[in-house]
Protein backbone atom coordinates (compact mmCIF):
# COMPACT_ATOMS: atom_id res chain seq x y z
CA MET A 1 -11.89 -13.95 -9.02
CA GLN A 2 -11.06 -13.54 -5.34
CA SER A 3 -10.94 -9.99 -4.05
CA ARG A 4 -7.79 -8.70 -2.39
CA ARG A 5 -9.66 -6.00 -0.49
CA LYS A 6 -9.24 -6.13 3.30
CA SER A 7 -13.01 -6.12 3.57
CA ALA A 8 -13.51 -8.95 1.04
CA ASP A 9 -15.29 -11.08 3.63
CA GLU A 10 -17.55 -8.25 4.80
CA THR A 11 -21.00 -7.65 3.39
CA THR A 12 -21.14 -4.66 1.05
CA ARG A 13 -24.45 -2.81 0.88
CA VAL A 14 -25.34 -1.67 -2.64
CA VAL A 15 -28.09 0.61 -3.95
CA PHE A 16 -28.88 0.20 -7.66
CA ARG A 17 -30.38 3.19 -9.48
CA ARG A 18 -31.42 3.82 -13.12
CA TYR A 19 -30.74 7.03 -15.03
CA SER A 20 -33.33 8.28 -17.53
CA ASP A 21 -31.13 7.00 -20.40
CA GLY A 22 -31.31 3.47 -18.94
CA GLN A 23 -27.80 3.29 -17.49
CA ILE A 24 -27.55 1.57 -14.12
CA ILE A 25 -25.32 2.79 -11.30
CA ALA A 26 -24.36 0.88 -8.16
CA LEU A 27 -23.88 3.10 -5.13
CA PHE A 28 -21.91 1.93 -2.10
CA PRO A 29 -23.32 4.10 0.72
CA ASP A 30 -20.90 2.72 3.31
CA VAL A 31 -17.78 3.28 1.19
CA PRO A 32 -16.65 6.92 1.25
CA TRP A 33 -14.86 8.05 -1.91
CA SER A 34 -13.20 11.05 -0.31
CA GLY A 35 -13.43 13.15 2.82
CA ARG A 36 -16.36 15.08 1.34
CA TRP A 37 -19.75 14.46 2.96
CA GLY A 38 -22.12 12.47 0.76
CA GLU A 39 -19.50 11.39 -1.78
CA VAL A 40 -19.53 7.61 -2.00
CA ALA A 41 -17.96 4.97 -4.21
CA SER A 42 -19.99 3.91 -7.22
CA TYR A 43 -19.69 1.48 -10.12
CA MET A 44 -21.05 1.46 -13.68
CA HIS A 45 -20.44 -0.78 -16.70
CA ILE A 46 -18.61 2.03 -18.47
CA GLY A 47 -16.12 3.85 -16.29
CA GLN A 48 -16.39 1.28 -13.53
CA HIS A 49 -15.40 2.69 -10.11
CA GLY A 50 -15.85 6.38 -9.46
CA ALA A 51 -17.20 8.97 -7.07
CA ALA A 52 -20.88 9.82 -6.78
CA ASP A 53 -22.82 12.33 -4.73
CA TYR A 54 -25.23 9.90 -3.09
CA SER A 55 -28.07 12.37 -2.49
CA HIS A 56 -27.86 13.84 -5.99
CA VAL A 57 -27.92 10.44 -7.68
CA VAL A 58 -30.85 9.21 -5.58
CA THR A 59 -32.75 12.43 -6.32
CA THR A 60 -32.16 12.37 -10.09
CA THR A 61 -32.63 8.64 -10.76
CA LYS A 62 -35.22 5.94 -10.19
CA PRO A 63 -34.76 2.66 -8.35
CA ALA A 64 -33.52 -0.06 -10.70
CA SER A 65 -35.53 -3.27 -10.87
CA GLU A 66 -33.82 -6.61 -10.29
CA LYS A 67 -34.08 -7.33 -14.02
CA GLU A 68 -32.37 -4.00 -14.79
CA TYR A 69 -29.48 -4.37 -12.35
CA THR A 70 -28.74 -8.11 -12.71
CA GLY A 71 -25.99 -7.57 -15.32
CA LEU A 72 -24.20 -5.00 -13.17
CA LEU A 73 -24.61 -7.17 -10.06
CA ASN A 74 -22.99 -10.08 -11.92
CA GLU A 75 -20.15 -7.81 -13.04
CA LEU A 76 -19.57 -6.69 -9.44
CA ARG A 77 -19.33 -10.32 -8.36
CA ARG A 78 -16.82 -11.03 -11.15
CA VAL A 79 -14.55 -8.20 -9.93
CA GLY A 80 -14.53 -9.46 -6.36
CA TYR A 81 -17.64 -8.25 -4.54
CA ASN A 82 -18.59 -11.64 -3.13
CA HIS A 83 -20.88 -10.60 -0.28
CA ILE A 84 -23.38 -8.06 -1.58
CA LYS A 85 -26.58 -6.98 0.12
CA VAL A 86 -28.88 -5.13 -2.27
CA ILE A 87 -30.84 -2.41 -0.52
CA LYS A 88 -33.36 0.14 -1.83
CA ARG A 89 -31.97 3.20 -0.03
CA ALA A 90 -29.53 4.05 2.69
CA LYS A 91 -29.12 6.79 5.21
CA LEU A 92 -25.59 8.13 5.25
CA ARG A 93 -24.12 8.18 8.72
CA LYS A 94 -22.92 11.53 10.00
CA ASP A 95 -20.29 9.93 12.22
CA ASP A 96 -18.18 8.39 9.46
CA GLY A 97 -15.42 10.99 9.63
CA ARG A 98 -16.31 12.82 6.42
CA LYS A 99 -16.61 16.60 6.31
CA SER A 100 -19.92 18.19 5.52
CA LYS A 101 -20.24 20.11 2.25
CA LYS A 102 -20.28 23.32 4.28
CA ASN A 103 -16.76 22.59 5.51
CA THR A 104 -15.16 21.88 2.13
């Protein structure tokens, strides 16, 4: 499936994390979900795309191993994420135009 996103040819950085119940979440630290600071796009098997507070998820989960996230990575590729770079953690940029939590 070819993505219709404008950024389909750009590399998308993804952080995979594991909740205590075993569910895996993909966080897209460079893709803001809203104007709220720290809220990024995420993807899970159930529910698919949604918002996630990046710092909260990283604090309350553990890094997912390659074996744990392979199924979700394959699903992301099937829905059009063709250029994925898996990273362990990301620093959110303060200059991305989002408001800080204090301002919302």
